C-alpha atoms as a PDB file:
ATOM      1  CA  UNK A   1     225.565 249.306 -45.061  1.00  0.00           C
ATOM      2  CA  UNK A   2     221.899 250.032 -46.133  1.00  0.00           C
ATOM      3  CA  UNK A   3     219.304 248.896 -43.683  1.00  0.00           C
ATOM      4  CA  UNK A   4     215.675 248.232 -44.659  1.00  0.00           C
ATOM      5  CA  UNK A   5     212.854 248.266 -41.916  1.00  0.00           C
ATOM      6  CA  UNK A   6     209.818 246.024 -42.192  1.00  0.00           C
ATOM      7  CA  UNK A   7     206.789 246.303 -39.938  1.00  0.00           C
ATOM      8  CA  UNK A   8     204.756 243.162 -39.699  1.00  0.00           C
ATOM      9  CA  UNK A   9     201.423 243.213 -37.670  1.00  0.00           C
ATOM     10  CA  UNK A  10     200.105 239.968 -36.245  1.00  0.00           C
ATOM     11  CA  UNK A  11     196.635 238.621 -37.300  1.00  0.00           C
ATOM     12  CA  UNK A  12     194.080 241.502 -37.970  1.00  0.00           C
ATOM     13  CA  UNK A  13     190.850 240.270 -36.353  1.00  0.00           C
ATOM     14  CA  UNK A  14     187.603 242.010 -37.314  1.00  0.00           C
ATOM     15  CA  UNK A  15     186.751 245.641 -37.019  1.00  0.00           C
ATOM     16  CA  UNK A  16     188.523 246.131 -33.729  1.00  0.00           C
ATOM     17  CA  UNK A  17     191.722 244.840 -35.391  1.00  0.00           C
ATOM     18  CA  UNK A  18     191.387 247.070 -38.447  1.00  0.00           C
ATOM     19  CA  UNK A  19     190.750 250.074 -36.067  1.00  0.00           C
ATOM     20  CA  UNK A  20     193.695 249.266 -33.954  1.00  0.00           C
ATOM     21  CA  UNK A  21     196.047 248.946 -36.998  1.00  0.00           C
ATOM     22  CA  UNK A  22     194.731 252.266 -38.346  1.00  0.00           C
ATOM     23  CA  UNK A  23     195.059 254.093 -35.173  1.00  0.00           C
ATOM     24  CA  UNK A  24     198.420 252.797 -34.182  1.00  0.00           C
ATOM     25  CA  UNK A  25     200.441 252.908 -37.293  1.00  0.00           C
ATOM     26  CA  UNK A  26     201.257 256.491 -37.065  1.00  0.00           C
ATOM     27  CA  UNK A  27     202.502 255.816 -33.376  1.00  0.00           C
ATOM     28  CA  UNK A  28     204.478 252.946 -34.618  1.00  0.00           C
ATOM     29  CA  UNK A  29     206.135 255.102 -37.489  1.00  0.00           C
ATOM     30  CA  UNK A  30     206.943 257.705 -34.874  1.00  0.00           C
ATOM     31  CA  UNK A  31     208.391 255.273 -32.263  1.00  0.00           C
ATOM     32  CA  UNK A  32     210.526 253.086 -34.605  1.00  0.00           C
ATOM     33  CA  UNK A  33     211.446 255.780 -37.391  1.00  0.00           C
ATOM     34  CA  UNK A  34     210.946 255.381 -41.193  1.00  0.00           C
ATOM     35  CA  UNK A  35     209.256 252.054 -42.053  1.00  0.00           C
ATOM     36  CA  UNK A  36     210.115 250.860 -45.581  1.00  0.00           C
ATOM     37  CA  UNK A  37     207.330 248.174 -45.907  1.00  0.00           C
ATOM     38  CA  UNK A  38     204.248 247.471 -43.856  1.00  0.00           C
ATOM     39  CA  UNK A  39     202.844 243.912 -43.971  1.00  0.00           C
ATOM     40  CA  UNK A  40     199.958 242.377 -42.125  1.00  0.00           C
ATOM     41  CA  UNK A  41     198.194 238.983 -41.777  1.00  0.00           C
ATOM     42  CA  UNK A  42     194.572 239.650 -42.991  1.00  0.00           C
ATOM     43  CA  UNK A  43     192.821 236.293 -42.889  1.00  0.00           C
ATOM     44  CA  UNK A  44     190.634 237.306 -39.948  1.00  0.00           C
ATOM     45  CA  UNK A  45     189.885 240.898 -41.147  1.00  0.00           C
ATOM     46  CA  UNK A  46     186.184 240.307 -42.228  1.00  0.00           C
ATOM     47  CA  UNK A  47     184.423 239.720 -38.696  1.00  0.00           C
ATOM     48  CA  UNK A  48     187.160 237.110 -37.846  1.00  0.00           C
ATOM     49  CA  UNK A  49     186.862 234.931 -40.775  1.00  0.00           C
ATOM     50  CA  UNK A  50     188.238 235.798 -44.251  1.00  0.00           C
ATOM     51  CA  UNK A  51     188.646 238.883 -46.435  1.00  0.00           C
ATOM     52  CA  UNK A  52     186.680 241.057 -48.788  1.00  0.00           C
ATOM     53  CA  UNK A  53     187.728 243.251 -51.519  1.00  0.00           C
ATOM     54  CA  UNK A  54     186.389 246.342 -49.700  1.00  0.00           C
ATOM     55  CA  UNK A  55     188.488 245.413 -46.706  1.00  0.00           C
ATOM     56  CA  UNK A  56     191.529 244.866 -48.938  1.00  0.00           C
ATOM     57  CA  UNK A  57     191.299 248.420 -50.235  1.00  0.00           C
ATOM     58  CA  UNK A  58     190.588 249.747 -46.614  1.00  0.00           C
ATOM     59  CA  UNK A  59     193.635 248.097 -45.146  1.00  0.00           C
ATOM     60  CA  UNK A  60     195.839 249.267 -48.034  1.00  0.00           C
ATOM     61  CA  UNK A  61     194.750 252.745 -47.396  1.00  0.00           C
ATOM     62  CA  UNK A  62     196.463 252.515 -43.974  1.00  0.00           C
ATOM     63  CA  UNK A  63     199.774 252.274 -45.782  1.00  0.00           C
ATOM     64  CA  UNK A  64     200.006 248.560 -45.950  1.00  0.00           C
ATOM     65  CA  UNK A  65     202.052 247.223 -48.898  1.00  0.00           C
ATOM     66  CA  UNK A  66     201.302 243.404 -48.589  1.00  0.00           C
ATOM     67  CA  UNK A  67     199.026 241.171 -46.824  1.00  0.00           C
ATOM     68  CA  UNK A  68     199.484 237.575 -45.931  1.00  0.00           C
ATOM     69  CA  UNK A  69     196.976 235.012 -44.778  1.00  0.00           C
ATOM     70  CA  UNK A  70     196.197 231.556 -43.837  1.00  0.00           C
ATOM     71  CA  UNK A  71     193.610 228.802 -43.702  1.00  0.00           C
ATOM     72  CA  UNK A  72     190.621 231.343 -43.183  1.00  0.00           C
ATOM     73  CA  UNK A  73     191.432 233.326 -46.318  1.00  0.00           C
ATOM     74  CA  UNK A  74     188.928 230.924 -48.144  1.00  0.00           C
ATOM     75  CA  UNK A  75     186.024 231.672 -45.747  1.00  0.00           C
ATOM     76  CA  UNK A  76     184.463 234.315 -48.031  1.00  0.00           C
ATOM     77  CA  UNK A  77     183.738 232.821 -51.215  1.00  0.00           C
ATOM     78  CA  UNK A  78     183.392 236.055 -53.144  1.00  0.00           C
ATOM     79  CA  UNK A  79     187.000 236.798 -52.322  1.00  0.00           C
ATOM     80  CA  UNK A  80     188.432 233.774 -54.038  1.00  0.00           C
ATOM     81  CA  UNK A  81     188.277 235.197 -57.542  1.00  0.00           C
ATOM     82  CA  UNK A  82     190.071 238.381 -56.107  1.00  0.00           C
ATOM     83  CA  UNK A  83     192.970 236.141 -55.100  1.00  0.00           C
ATOM     84  CA  UNK A  84     193.406 235.118 -58.699  1.00  0.00           C
ATOM     85  CA  UNK A  85     194.252 238.772 -59.753  1.00  0.00           C
ATOM     86  CA  UNK A  86     195.359 240.605 -56.643  1.00  0.00           C
ATOM     87  CA  UNK A  87     198.950 240.469 -55.821  1.00  0.00           C
ATOM     88  CA  UNK A  88     198.649 242.492 -52.629  1.00  0.00           C
ATOM     89  CA  UNK A  89     197.141 239.490 -50.922  1.00  0.00           C
ATOM     90  CA  UNK A  90     198.986 236.182 -50.635  1.00  0.00           C
ATOM     91  CA  UNK A  91     197.484 232.792 -49.562  1.00  0.00           C
ATOM     92  CA  UNK A  92     199.803 230.041 -48.442  1.00  0.00           C
ATOM     93  CA  UNK A  93     202.060 228.853 -51.052  1.00  0.00           C
ATOM     94  CA  UNK A  94     201.964 225.124 -50.157  1.00  0.00           C
ATOM     95  CA  UNK A  95     198.492 224.580 -51.131  1.00  0.00           C
ATOM     96  CA  UNK A  96     198.380 222.090 -54.045  1.00  0.00           C
ATOM     97  CA  UNK A  97     198.866 223.256 -57.618  1.00  0.00           C
ATOM     98  CA  UNK A  98     195.848 224.752 -59.204  1.00  0.00           C
ATOM     99  CA  UNK A  99     194.718 226.600 -56.118  1.00  0.00           C
ATOM    100  CA  UNK A 100     193.724 230.098 -56.777  1.00  0.00           C
ATOM    101  CA  UNK A 101     195.970 232.943 -55.764  1.00  0.00           C
ATOM    102  CA  UNK A 102     199.659 233.645 -55.175  1.00  0.00           C
ATOM    103  CA  UNK A 103     201.755 232.191 -52.445  1.00  0.00           C
ATOM    104  CA  UNK A 104     204.746 234.600 -52.753  1.00  0.00           C
ATOM    105  CA  UNK A 105     205.583 237.758 -54.422  1.00  0.00           C
ATOM    106  CA  UNK A 106     208.300 240.653 -54.873  1.00  0.00           C
ATOM    107  CA  UNK A 107     207.398 244.109 -53.897  1.00  0.00           C
ATOM    108  CA  UNK A 108     209.260 247.142 -54.790  1.00  0.00           C
ATOM    109  CA  UNK A 109     209.005 250.580 -53.114  1.00  0.00           C
ATOM    110  CA  UNK A 110     211.320 253.737 -53.071  1.00  0.00           C
ATOM    111  CA  UNK A 111     214.270 251.810 -54.526  1.00  0.00           C
ATOM    112  CA  UNK A 112     213.900 248.857 -52.167  1.00  0.00           C
ATOM    113  CA  UNK A 113     212.816 245.247 -53.040  1.00  0.00           C
ATOM    114  CA  UNK A 114     211.144 242.916 -50.622  1.00  0.00           C
ATOM    115  CA  UNK A 115     210.333 239.172 -51.363  1.00  0.00           C
ATOM    116  CA  UNK A 116     207.418 237.683 -49.264  1.00  0.00           C
ATOM    117  CA  UNK A 117     206.551 234.166 -48.782  1.00  0.00           C
ATOM    118  CA  UNK A 118     203.394 232.925 -47.241  1.00  0.00           C
ATOM    119  CA  UNK A 119     203.477 229.291 -45.829  1.00  0.00           C
ATOM    120  CA  UNK A 120     201.134 227.127 -43.707  1.00  0.00           C
ATOM    121  CA  UNK A 121     201.832 224.358 -41.230  1.00  0.00           C
ATOM    122  CA  UNK A 122     200.472 220.862 -41.191  1.00  0.00           C
ATOM    123  CA  UNK A 123     200.715 219.847 -37.567  1.00  0.00           C
ATOM    124  CA  UNK A 124     197.106 220.100 -36.262  1.00  0.00           C
ATOM    125  CA  UNK A 125     196.024 221.617 -39.599  1.00  0.00           C
ATOM    126  CA  UNK A 126     194.988 220.534 -43.035  1.00  0.00           C
ATOM    127  CA  UNK A 127     197.225 218.042 -44.732  1.00  0.00           C
ATOM    128  CA  UNK A 128     198.406 220.230 -47.605  1.00  0.00           C
ATOM    129  CA  UNK A 129     201.740 220.171 -49.306  1.00  0.00           C
ATOM    130  CA  UNK A 130     205.140 220.385 -47.317  1.00  0.00           C
ATOM    131  CA  UNK A 131     206.002 223.868 -46.346  1.00  0.00           C
ATOM    132  CA  UNK A 132     209.707 222.960 -46.027  1.00  0.00           C
ATOM    133  CA  UNK A 133     209.876 221.705 -49.492  1.00  0.00           C
ATOM    134  CA  UNK A 134     207.761 224.383 -51.013  1.00  0.00           C
ATOM    135  CA  UNK A 135     210.036 227.035 -49.461  1.00  0.00           C
ATOM    136  CA  UNK A 136     213.149 225.264 -50.968  1.00  0.00           C
ATOM    137  CA  UNK A 137     211.212 225.425 -54.543  1.00  0.00           C
ATOM    138  CA  UNK A 138     210.469 229.188 -54.065  1.00  0.00           C
ATOM    139  CA  UNK A 139     213.816 230.304 -52.808  1.00  0.00           C
ATOM    140  CA  UNK A 140     215.679 228.649 -55.831  1.00  0.00           C
ATOM    141  CA  UNK A 141     213.938 231.286 -58.265  1.00  0.00           C
ATOM    142  CA  UNK A 142     213.551 234.252 -55.861  1.00  0.00           C
ATOM    143  CA  UNK A 143     216.008 236.858 -56.968  1.00  0.00           C
ATOM    144  CA  UNK A 144     215.984 239.373 -53.966  1.00  0.00           C
ATOM    145  CA  UNK A 145     218.137 239.643 -51.093  1.00  0.00           C
ATOM    146  CA  UNK A 146     215.514 240.654 -48.456  1.00  0.00           C
ATOM    147  CA  UNK A 147     212.843 237.852 -47.996  1.00  0.00           C
ATOM    148  CA  UNK A 148     210.400 237.706 -45.392  1.00  0.00           C
ATOM    149  CA  UNK A 149     208.078 234.615 -44.463  1.00  0.00           C
ATOM    150  CA  UNK A 150     204.740 234.404 -42.734  1.00  0.00           C
ATOM    151  CA  UNK A 151     204.360 230.851 -41.434  1.00  0.00           C
ATOM    152  CA  UNK A 152     200.809 230.355 -40.511  1.00  0.00           C
ATOM    153  CA  UNK A 153     200.834 227.347 -38.170  1.00  0.00           C
ATOM    154  CA  UNK A 154     199.559 225.803 -35.082  1.00  0.00           C
ATOM    155  CA  UNK A 155     202.571 224.057 -33.586  1.00  0.00           C
ATOM    156  CA  UNK A 156     205.366 225.939 -32.008  1.00  0.00           C
ATOM    157  CA  UNK A 157     207.761 223.194 -32.802  1.00  0.00           C
ATOM    158  CA  UNK A 158     206.883 223.269 -36.374  1.00  0.00           C
ATOM    159  CA  UNK A 159     207.492 227.047 -36.448  1.00  0.00           C
ATOM    160  CA  UNK A 160     210.884 226.734 -34.859  1.00  0.00           C
ATOM    161  CA  UNK A 161     211.901 223.748 -37.110  1.00  0.00           C
ATOM    162  CA  UNK A 162     211.067 225.790 -40.240  1.00  0.00           C
ATOM    163  CA  UNK A 163     212.838 228.910 -38.998  1.00  0.00           C
ATOM    164  CA  UNK A 164     216.034 226.866 -38.222  1.00  0.00           C
ATOM    165  CA  UNK A 165     215.831 225.042 -41.628  1.00  0.00           C
ATOM    166  CA  UNK A 166     215.532 228.557 -43.506  1.00  0.00           C
ATOM    167  CA  UNK A 167     218.148 230.213 -41.232  1.00  0.00           C
ATOM    168  CA  UNK A 168     220.621 232.213 -43.559  1.00  0.00           C
ATOM    169  CA  UNK A 169     218.440 231.625 -46.582  1.00  0.00           C
ATOM    170  CA  UNK A 170     215.756 234.349 -45.517  1.00  0.00           C
ATOM    171  CA  UNK A 171     215.762 237.615 -43.826  1.00  0.00           C
ATOM    172  CA  UNK A 172     213.130 237.071 -41.201  1.00  0.00           C
ATOM    173  CA  UNK A 173     210.184 234.730 -40.299  1.00  0.00           C
ATOM    174  CA  UNK A 174     207.202 235.509 -38.128  1.00  0.00           C
ATOM    175  CA  UNK A 175     204.729 232.954 -37.015  1.00  0.00           C
ATOM    176  CA  UNK A 176     200.955 233.621 -37.122  1.00  0.00           C
ATOM    177  CA  UNK A 177     197.649 231.937 -36.382  1.00  0.00           C
ATOM    178  CA  UNK A 178     197.748 231.364 -32.654  1.00  0.00           C
ATOM    179  CA  UNK A 179     196.938 234.991 -31.725  1.00  0.00           C
ATOM    180  CA  UNK A 180     199.125 234.876 -28.734  1.00  0.00           C
ATOM    181  CA  UNK A 181     202.382 236.973 -29.046  1.00  0.00           C
ATOM    182  CA  UNK A 182     205.393 235.020 -27.977  1.00  0.00           C
ATOM    183  CA  UNK A 183     208.462 236.616 -26.158  1.00  0.00           C
ATOM    184  CA  UNK A 184     211.211 234.682 -28.199  1.00  0.00           C
ATOM    185  CA  UNK A 185     212.187 237.222 -30.865  1.00  0.00           C
ATOM    186  CA  UNK A 186     215.723 236.511 -31.797  1.00  0.00           C
ATOM    187  CA  UNK A 187     218.229 236.453 -34.623  1.00  0.00           C
ATOM    188  CA  UNK A 188     219.099 232.957 -35.286  1.00  0.00           C
ATOM    189  CA  UNK A 189     222.810 231.599 -35.673  1.00  0.00           C
ATOM    190  CA  UNK A 190     222.960 232.324 -39.429  1.00  0.00           C
ATOM    191  CA  UNK A 191     221.433 235.573 -39.397  1.00  0.00           C
ATOM    192  CA  UNK A 192     217.511 235.095 -39.910  1.00  0.00           C
ATOM    193  CA  UNK A 193     215.284 237.056 -37.392  1.00  0.00           C
ATOM    194  CA  UNK A 194     212.497 235.022 -36.004  1.00  0.00           C
ATOM    195  CA  UNK A 195     209.514 235.032 -33.495  1.00  0.00           C
ATOM    196  CA  UNK A 196     207.187 232.144 -33.022  1.00  0.00           C
ATOM    197  CA  UNK A 197     203.999 234.220 -33.256  1.00  0.00           C
ATOM    198  CA  UNK A 198     203.652 237.986 -33.874  1.00  0.00           C
ATOM    199  CA  UNK A 199     200.316 238.158 -31.934  1.00  0.00           C
ATOM    200  CA  UNK A 200     196.836 239.549 -32.505  1.00  0.00           C
ATOM    201  CA  UNK A 201     195.912 242.870 -33.772  1.00  0.00           C
ATOM    202  CA  UNK A 202     192.395 243.181 -32.250  1.00  0.00           C
ATOM    203  CA  UNK A 203     190.415 242.647 -29.142  1.00  0.00           C
ATOM    204  CA  UNK A 204     192.345 241.227 -25.962  1.00  0.00           C
ATOM    205  CA  UNK A 205     189.453 241.049 -23.642  1.00  0.00           C
ATOM    206  CA  UNK A 206     188.270 237.779 -24.781  1.00  0.00           C
ATOM    207  CA  UNK A 207     189.642 234.502 -26.246  1.00  0.00           C
ATOM    208  CA  UNK A 208     192.265 234.900 -28.979  1.00  0.00           C
ATOM    209  CA  UNK A 209     190.178 237.568 -30.685  1.00  0.00           C
ATOM    210  CA  UNK A 210     186.671 236.277 -30.052  1.00  0.00           C
ATOM    211  CA  UNK A 211     184.305 237.073 -27.124  1.00  0.00           C
ATOM    212  CA  UNK A 212     184.636 234.873 -24.103  1.00  0.00           C
ATOM    213  CA  UNK A 213     180.803 234.396 -23.913  1.00  0.00           C
ATOM    214  CA  UNK A 214     180.617 232.979 -27.493  1.00  0.00           C
ATOM    215  CA  UNK A 215     183.690 230.779 -27.051  1.00  0.00           C
ATOM    216  CA  UNK A 216     182.911 229.236 -23.710  1.00  0.00           C
ATOM    217  CA  UNK A 217     180.098 226.843 -24.731  1.00  0.00           C
ATOM    218  CA  UNK A 218     182.345 225.054 -27.145  1.00  0.00           C
ATOM    219  CA  UNK A 219     184.556 223.988 -24.258  1.00  0.00           C
ATOM    220  CA  UNK A 220     181.775 223.326 -21.988  1.00  0.00           C
ATOM    221  CA  UNK A 221     179.479 221.475 -24.155  1.00  0.00           C
ATOM    222  CA  UNK A 222     181.314 220.671 -27.280  1.00  0.00           C
ATOM    223  CA  UNK A 223     178.554 221.929 -29.508  1.00  0.00           C
ATOM    224  CA  UNK A 224     178.774 224.165 -32.532  1.00  0.00           C
ATOM    225  CA  UNK A 225     178.584 227.717 -31.758  1.00  0.00           C
ATOM    226  CA  UNK A 226     179.069 231.105 -33.804  1.00  0.00           C
ATOM    227  CA  UNK A 227     181.896 232.815 -32.396  1.00  0.00           C
ATOM    228  CA  UNK A 228     181.426 236.795 -31.937  1.00  0.00           C
ATOM    229  CA  UNK A 229     184.450 239.224 -32.364  1.00  0.00           C
ATOM    230  CA  UNK A 230     185.817 240.479 -29.085  1.00  0.00           C
ATOM    231  CA  UNK A 231     185.783 244.295 -28.961  1.00  0.00           C
ATOM    232  CA  UNK A 232     187.504 244.764 -25.455  1.00  0.00           C
ATOM    233  CA  UNK A 233     191.123 245.959 -24.808  1.00  0.00           C
ATOM    234  CA  UNK A 234     192.127 246.297 -28.571  1.00  0.00           C
ATOM    235  CA  UNK A 235     195.864 246.132 -29.208  1.00  0.00           C
ATOM    236  CA  UNK A 236     198.190 246.269 -32.274  1.00  0.00           C
ATOM    237  CA  UNK A 237     200.789 243.628 -32.026  1.00  0.00           C
ATOM    238  CA  UNK A 238     203.602 242.537 -34.165  1.00  0.00           C
ATOM    239  CA  UNK A 239     207.336 243.115 -34.945  1.00  0.00           C
ATOM    240  CA  UNK A 240     209.682 245.645 -36.648  1.00  0.00           C
ATOM    241  CA  UNK A 241     212.557 244.014 -38.257  1.00  0.00           C
ATOM    242  CA  UNK A 242     215.849 245.762 -39.576  1.00  0.00           C
ATOM    243  CA  UNK A 243     217.558 244.036 -42.340  1.00  0.00           C
ATOM    244  CA  UNK A 244     221.032 244.613 -44.101  1.00  0.00           C
ATOM    245  CA  UNK A 245     220.117 244.940 -47.767  1.00  0.00           C
ATOM    246  CA  UNK A 246     223.563 243.968 -48.952  1.00  0.00           C
ATOM    247  CA  UNK A 247     223.559 240.671 -47.149  1.00  0.00           C
ATOM    248  CA  UNK A 248     219.797 240.135 -46.696  1.00  0.00           C
ATOM    249  CA  UNK A 249     220.546 239.191 -42.957  1.00  0.00           C
ATOM    250  CA  UNK A 250     218.710 240.666 -40.040  1.00  0.00           C
ATOM    251  CA  UNK A 251     220.235 243.426 -37.815  1.00  0.00           C
ATOM    252  CA  UNK A 252     217.506 243.505 -35.202  1.00  0.00           C
ATOM    253  CA  UNK A 253     213.965 242.527 -34.384  1.00  0.00           C
ATOM    254  CA  UNK A 254     211.603 244.097 -31.782  1.00  0.00           C
ATOM    255  CA  UNK A 255     208.345 243.247 -30.631  1.00  0.00           C
ATOM    256  CA  UNK A 256     205.494 245.709 -30.165  1.00  0.00           C
ATOM    257  CA  UNK A 257     202.084 245.634 -28.285  1.00  0.00           C
ATOM    258  CA  UNK A 258     200.355 248.940 -28.151  1.00  0.00           C
ATOM    259  CA  UNK A 259     196.799 249.352 -26.722  1.00  0.00           C
ATOM    260  CA  UNK A 260     194.373 251.502 -28.567  1.00  0.00           C
ATOM    261  CA  UNK A 261     192.778 254.532 -26.959  1.00  0.00           C
ATOM    262  CA  UNK A 262     189.334 253.892 -28.606  1.00  0.00           C
END
């Protein structure tokens, strides 16, 4: 049996998140041993909203192999043409046909192959195409054993439902978007590893990656207010998943939540 190990970091939020990722990846490699693929959700990497080409190269330089995203990947308009040609960054696959970018891909490294699918939920979010049926269509044509899914969704029930729907057909699924790491990591009955939300790589001293002071007026008054990135208590959060390359099924899943020293 050959095991493949994937490290997935939850939503990287602004400069504190990028710094926490860079500082903690060596410690995570030391703690968990050899990591075959590193993936992160990058949709909040540019000051909390979207991505840039410069940050793509910066995050890749940390040793990240593939970046997933979600609804905020569209926030920086200059990045949309980058999505048309850049396979290292995925956008959710269930946007309608004709949407710029790639929703899934296969990545090869050191003799290993990893399929990655990015999907977005519809409960309490934009009414895009069905993530369940989109996953069905992609899996019909994906010719690799090891498949990881980032499901960027708001509703816990929708994340669990999709994980159960795909159980036994994918190796692992991690939820993103809510920025609060859940304590429900498990291997489902047919062999798929799952966690409802991988968490937040960024500041943990405010409100899901933004400063308390900038968020509070929205709840007090209901008026628009620009959110500011939280810089307090930075952490790297996510999961490490071990997968049997012969069967494509998960062998284990472990959460991590590591405070940064700086």
